[in-house]
Amino acid sequence: MSDVEIGGATVFPEVGVALKPKKGSAVFWYNLQKNGRVDYDTQHAGCPVLVGNKWVANKWIHEFGRVQETLFFVRLGVKDIATM
């Protein structure tokens, strides 16, 4: 993340947490419960930056692979996902 003068927090409204961006920091969370169901407490949003710029990098880790995504494209009739 980068430092932001005003705004740009990442908020988790279900648990009442707001994380201000700070250069060199990172945030990590699991969005699934141990049983594989969605953990709705991890719903989050990025607040608008009012003054300054916000730079972030995202990394998604698919614990169970990309099975759901593959099934979605198969239902659409896509034969080769790599060509998309």
N, C-alpha and C. Protein backbone atom coordinates (compact mmCIF):
# COMPACT_ATOMS: atom_id res chain seq x y z
N MET A 1 0.84 -1.18 0.00
CA MET A 1 0.00 0.00 0.00
C MET A 1 0.88 1.24 0.00
N SER A 2 0.25 2.35 -0.25
CA SER A 2 0.95 3.63 -0.21
C SER A 2 0.30 4.51 0.85
N ASP A 3 1.03 5.54 1.27
CA ASP A 3 0.46 6.51 2.20
C ASP A 3 -0.57 7.36 1.45
N VAL A 4 -1.66 7.70 2.13
CA VAL A 4 -2.71 8.54 1.56
C VAL A 4 -2.96 9.69 2.53
N GLU A 5 -3.06 10.90 2.00
CA GLU A 5 -3.27 12.06 2.88
C GLU A 5 -4.63 12.02 3.56
N ILE A 6 -5.70 11.86 2.77
CA ILE A 6 -7.05 11.82 3.34
C ILE A 6 -7.87 10.77 2.58
N GLY A 7 -8.54 9.88 3.32
CA GLY A 7 -9.41 8.87 2.73
C GLY A 7 -8.65 7.60 2.39
N GLY A 8 -9.30 6.73 1.59
CA GLY A 8 -8.67 5.53 1.08
C GLY A 8 -8.65 4.33 2.00
N ALA A 9 -9.36 4.38 3.13
CA ALA A 9 -9.36 3.25 4.06
C ALA A 9 -10.04 2.04 3.44
N THR A 10 -9.65 0.86 3.89
CA THR A 10 -10.37 -0.38 3.57
C THR A 10 -11.23 -0.68 4.78
N VAL A 11 -12.54 -0.77 4.57
CA VAL A 11 -13.46 -0.95 5.70
C VAL A 11 -14.12 -2.32 5.66
N PHE A 12 -14.31 -2.88 6.84
CA PHE A 12 -15.03 -4.14 7.04
C PHE A 12 -16.24 -3.80 7.91
N PRO A 13 -17.37 -3.41 7.30
CA PRO A 13 -18.51 -2.89 8.06
C PRO A 13 -19.13 -3.90 9.03
N GLU A 14 -19.09 -5.18 8.72
CA GLU A 14 -19.71 -6.18 9.59
C GLU A 14 -19.01 -6.29 10.94
N VAL A 15 -17.72 -5.95 10.99
CA VAL A 15 -16.97 -6.05 12.25
C VAL A 15 -16.50 -4.68 12.74
N GLY A 16 -16.87 -3.61 12.04
CA GLY A 16 -16.54 -2.26 12.48
C GLY A 16 -15.06 -1.92 12.44
N VAL A 17 -14.37 -2.38 11.40
CA VAL A 17 -12.94 -2.13 11.28
C VAL A 17 -12.67 -1.28 10.04
N ALA A 18 -11.80 -0.28 10.19
CA ALA A 18 -11.34 0.54 9.07
C ALA A 18 -9.82 0.58 9.12
N LEU A 19 -9.17 0.18 8.04
CA LEU A 19 -7.71 0.15 7.98
C LEU A 19 -7.23 1.25 7.05
N LYS A 20 -6.45 2.17 7.61
CA LYS A 20 -5.90 3.27 6.81
C LYS A 20 -4.69 2.76 6.03
N PRO A 21 -4.57 3.17 4.77
CA PRO A 21 -3.42 2.73 3.98
C PRO A 21 -2.12 3.32 4.53
N LYS A 22 -1.09 2.49 4.59
CA LYS A 22 0.22 2.93 5.05
C LYS A 22 1.28 2.27 4.17
N LYS A 23 2.16 3.06 3.63
CA LYS A 23 3.20 2.56 2.73
C LYS A 23 3.96 1.40 3.39
N GLY A 24 4.11 0.32 2.63
CA GLY A 24 4.86 -0.84 3.10
C GLY A 24 4.05 -1.82 3.93
N SER A 25 2.78 -1.52 4.20
CA SER A 25 1.96 -2.42 5.00
C SER A 25 1.22 -3.41 4.12
N ALA A 26 0.67 -4.43 4.75
CA ALA A 26 -0.11 -5.44 4.03
C ALA A 26 -1.27 -5.88 4.91
N VAL A 27 -2.32 -6.35 4.27
CA VAL A 27 -3.49 -6.87 4.98
C VAL A 27 -3.80 -8.24 4.37
N PHE A 28 -4.09 -9.20 5.22
CA PHE A 28 -4.42 -10.55 4.76
C PHE A 28 -5.59 -11.06 5.58
N TRP A 29 -6.53 -11.74 4.91
CA TRP A 29 -7.64 -12.36 5.63
C TRP A 29 -8.15 -13.54 4.82
N TYR A 30 -8.76 -14.48 5.54
CA TYR A 30 -9.45 -15.60 4.90
C TYR A 30 -10.90 -15.19 4.71
N ASN A 31 -11.45 -15.40 3.53
CA ASN A 31 -12.86 -15.06 3.31
C ASN A 31 -13.76 -16.28 3.38
N LEU A 32 -13.19 -17.42 3.75
CA LEU A 32 -13.97 -18.64 3.94
C LEU A 32 -13.82 -19.14 5.37
N GLN A 33 -14.88 -19.75 5.87
CA GLN A 33 -14.81 -20.41 7.16
C GLN A 33 -14.11 -21.75 6.97
N LYS A 34 -13.77 -22.43 8.06
CA LYS A 34 -13.07 -23.72 7.96
C LYS A 34 -13.89 -24.76 7.21
N ASN A 35 -15.22 -24.63 7.22
CA ASN A 35 -16.08 -25.59 6.51
C ASN A 35 -16.24 -25.24 5.03
N GLY A 36 -15.57 -24.18 4.56
CA GLY A 36 -15.62 -23.80 3.15
C GLY A 36 -16.71 -22.81 2.80
N ARG A 37 -17.56 -22.46 3.75
CA ARG A 37 -18.63 -21.49 3.49
C ARG A 37 -18.07 -20.07 3.56
N VAL A 38 -18.77 -19.17 2.88
CA VAL A 38 -18.35 -17.76 2.86
C VAL A 38 -18.45 -17.17 4.26
N ASP A 39 -17.44 -16.42 4.65
CA ASP A 39 -17.45 -15.69 5.92
C ASP A 39 -17.88 -14.26 5.60
N TYR A 40 -19.15 -13.96 5.83
CA TYR A 40 -19.70 -12.66 5.46
C TYR A 40 -19.10 -11.51 6.28
N ASP A 41 -18.45 -11.82 7.40
CA ASP A 41 -17.78 -10.78 8.18
C ASP A 41 -16.60 -10.19 7.42
N THR A 42 -16.14 -10.85 6.36
CA THR A 42 -15.00 -10.35 5.60
C THR A 42 -15.41 -9.47 4.42
N GLN A 43 -16.71 -9.21 4.27
CA GLN A 43 -17.11 -8.28 3.21
C GLN A 43 -16.45 -6.94 3.48
N HIS A 44 -15.91 -6.34 2.44
CA HIS A 44 -15.14 -5.12 2.63
C HIS A 44 -15.31 -4.19 1.43
N ALA A 45 -14.85 -2.97 1.61
CA ALA A 45 -14.92 -1.97 0.54
C ALA A 45 -13.76 -1.00 0.70
N GLY A 46 -13.38 -0.41 -0.41
CA GLY A 46 -12.35 0.63 -0.39
C GLY A 46 -13.01 2.00 -0.43
N CYS A 47 -12.70 2.82 0.55
CA CYS A 47 -13.23 4.19 0.58
C CYS A 47 -12.51 5.04 -0.45
N PRO A 48 -13.18 6.05 -0.97
CA PRO A 48 -12.52 6.92 -1.96
C PRO A 48 -11.36 7.70 -1.34
N VAL A 49 -10.35 7.91 -2.15
CA VAL A 49 -9.22 8.76 -1.75
C VAL A 49 -9.64 10.20 -2.00
N LEU A 50 -9.60 11.02 -0.95
CA LEU A 50 -10.01 12.42 -1.08
C LEU A 50 -8.84 13.33 -1.42
N VAL A 51 -7.67 13.03 -0.85
CA VAL A 51 -6.46 13.80 -1.17
C VAL A 51 -5.31 12.81 -1.28
N GLY A 52 -4.61 12.84 -2.41
CA GLY A 52 -3.47 11.95 -2.62
C GLY A 52 -3.80 10.83 -3.58
N ASN A 53 -2.98 9.79 -3.56
CA ASN A 53 -3.13 8.62 -4.42
C ASN A 53 -3.01 7.37 -3.58
N LYS A 54 -3.67 6.30 -4.02
CA LYS A 54 -3.58 5.02 -3.33
C LYS A 54 -3.12 3.96 -4.33
N TRP A 55 -2.05 3.28 -3.98
CA TRP A 55 -1.53 2.18 -4.79
C TRP A 55 -1.62 0.91 -3.97
N VAL A 56 -2.18 -0.13 -4.57
CA VAL A 56 -2.30 -1.42 -3.89
C VAL A 56 -1.95 -2.53 -4.86
N ALA A 57 -1.68 -3.70 -4.31
CA ALA A 57 -1.49 -4.91 -5.11
C ALA A 57 -2.35 -6.00 -4.47
N ASN A 58 -3.04 -6.77 -5.28
CA ASN A 58 -3.89 -7.85 -4.78
C ASN A 58 -3.32 -9.19 -5.20
N LYS A 59 -3.48 -10.17 -4.33
CA LYS A 59 -3.11 -11.55 -4.64
C LYS A 59 -4.24 -12.43 -4.13
N TRP A 60 -4.91 -13.12 -5.04
CA TRP A 60 -5.97 -14.03 -4.65
C TRP A 60 -5.39 -15.44 -4.60
N ILE A 61 -5.67 -16.14 -3.52
CA ILE A 61 -5.20 -17.51 -3.36
C ILE A 61 -6.44 -18.40 -3.37
N HIS A 62 -6.52 -19.29 -4.34
CA HIS A 62 -7.68 -20.18 -4.48
C HIS A 62 -7.39 -21.48 -3.75
N GLU A 63 -7.92 -21.59 -2.54
CA GLU A 63 -7.66 -22.76 -1.70
C GLU A 63 -8.16 -24.04 -2.35
N PHE A 64 -9.29 -23.96 -3.03
CA PHE A 64 -9.88 -25.15 -3.63
C PHE A 64 -9.71 -25.15 -5.15
N GLY A 65 -8.74 -24.43 -5.66
CA GLY A 65 -8.54 -24.36 -7.09
C GLY A 65 -9.55 -23.42 -7.72
N ARG A 66 -9.69 -23.52 -9.02
CA ARG A 66 -10.60 -22.63 -9.74
C ARG A 66 -11.77 -23.42 -10.32
N VAL A 67 -12.26 -24.38 -9.55
CA VAL A 67 -13.32 -25.27 -10.02
C VAL A 67 -14.58 -24.50 -10.37
N GLN A 68 -15.04 -23.61 -9.49
CA GLN A 68 -16.28 -22.88 -9.74
C GLN A 68 -16.18 -22.03 -11.00
N GLU A 69 -15.05 -21.36 -11.18
CA GLU A 69 -14.85 -20.52 -12.36
C GLU A 69 -14.86 -21.38 -13.62
N THR A 70 -14.21 -22.53 -13.58
CA THR A 70 -14.17 -23.42 -14.73
C THR A 70 -15.58 -23.90 -15.08
N LEU A 71 -16.36 -24.29 -14.07
CA LEU A 71 -17.73 -24.75 -14.31
C LEU A 71 -18.58 -23.64 -14.94
N PHE A 72 -18.37 -22.40 -14.51
CA PHE A 72 -19.10 -21.27 -15.06
C PHE A 72 -18.85 -21.14 -16.56
N PHE A 73 -17.57 -21.20 -16.96
CA PHE A 73 -17.24 -21.06 -18.38
C PHE A 73 -17.71 -22.25 -19.19
N VAL A 74 -17.69 -23.44 -18.62
CA VAL A 74 -18.19 -24.63 -19.31
C VAL A 74 -19.67 -24.46 -19.61
N ARG A 75 -20.42 -23.94 -18.64
CA ARG A 75 -21.86 -23.71 -18.85
C ARG A 75 -22.11 -22.69 -19.95
N LEU A 76 -21.18 -21.76 -20.14
CA LEU A 76 -21.32 -20.76 -21.20
C LEU A 76 -20.91 -21.32 -22.57
N GLY A 77 -20.32 -22.51 -22.57
CA GLY A 77 -19.90 -23.11 -23.82
C GLY A 77 -18.48 -22.75 -24.24
N VAL A 78 -17.71 -22.13 -23.33
CA VAL A 78 -16.32 -21.78 -23.64
C VAL A 78 -15.48 -23.05 -23.57
N LYS A 79 -14.78 -23.37 -24.65
CA LYS A 79 -14.00 -24.60 -24.69
C LYS A 79 -12.58 -24.41 -24.16
N ASP A 80 -12.01 -23.23 -24.35
CA ASP A 80 -10.63 -22.99 -23.93
C ASP A 80 -10.56 -21.68 -23.16
N ILE A 81 -10.53 -21.77 -21.83
CA ILE A 81 -10.52 -20.58 -20.98
C ILE A 81 -9.27 -19.75 -21.22
N ALA A 82 -8.17 -20.39 -21.57
CA ALA A 82 -6.90 -19.68 -21.77
C ALA A 82 -6.97 -18.67 -22.91
N THR A 83 -7.92 -18.82 -23.83
CA THR A 83 -8.02 -17.89 -24.96
C THR A 83 -8.81 -16.64 -24.62
N MET A 84 -9.35 -16.57 -23.42
CA MET A 84 -10.18 -15.41 -23.06
C MET A 84 -9.32 -14.25 -22.62
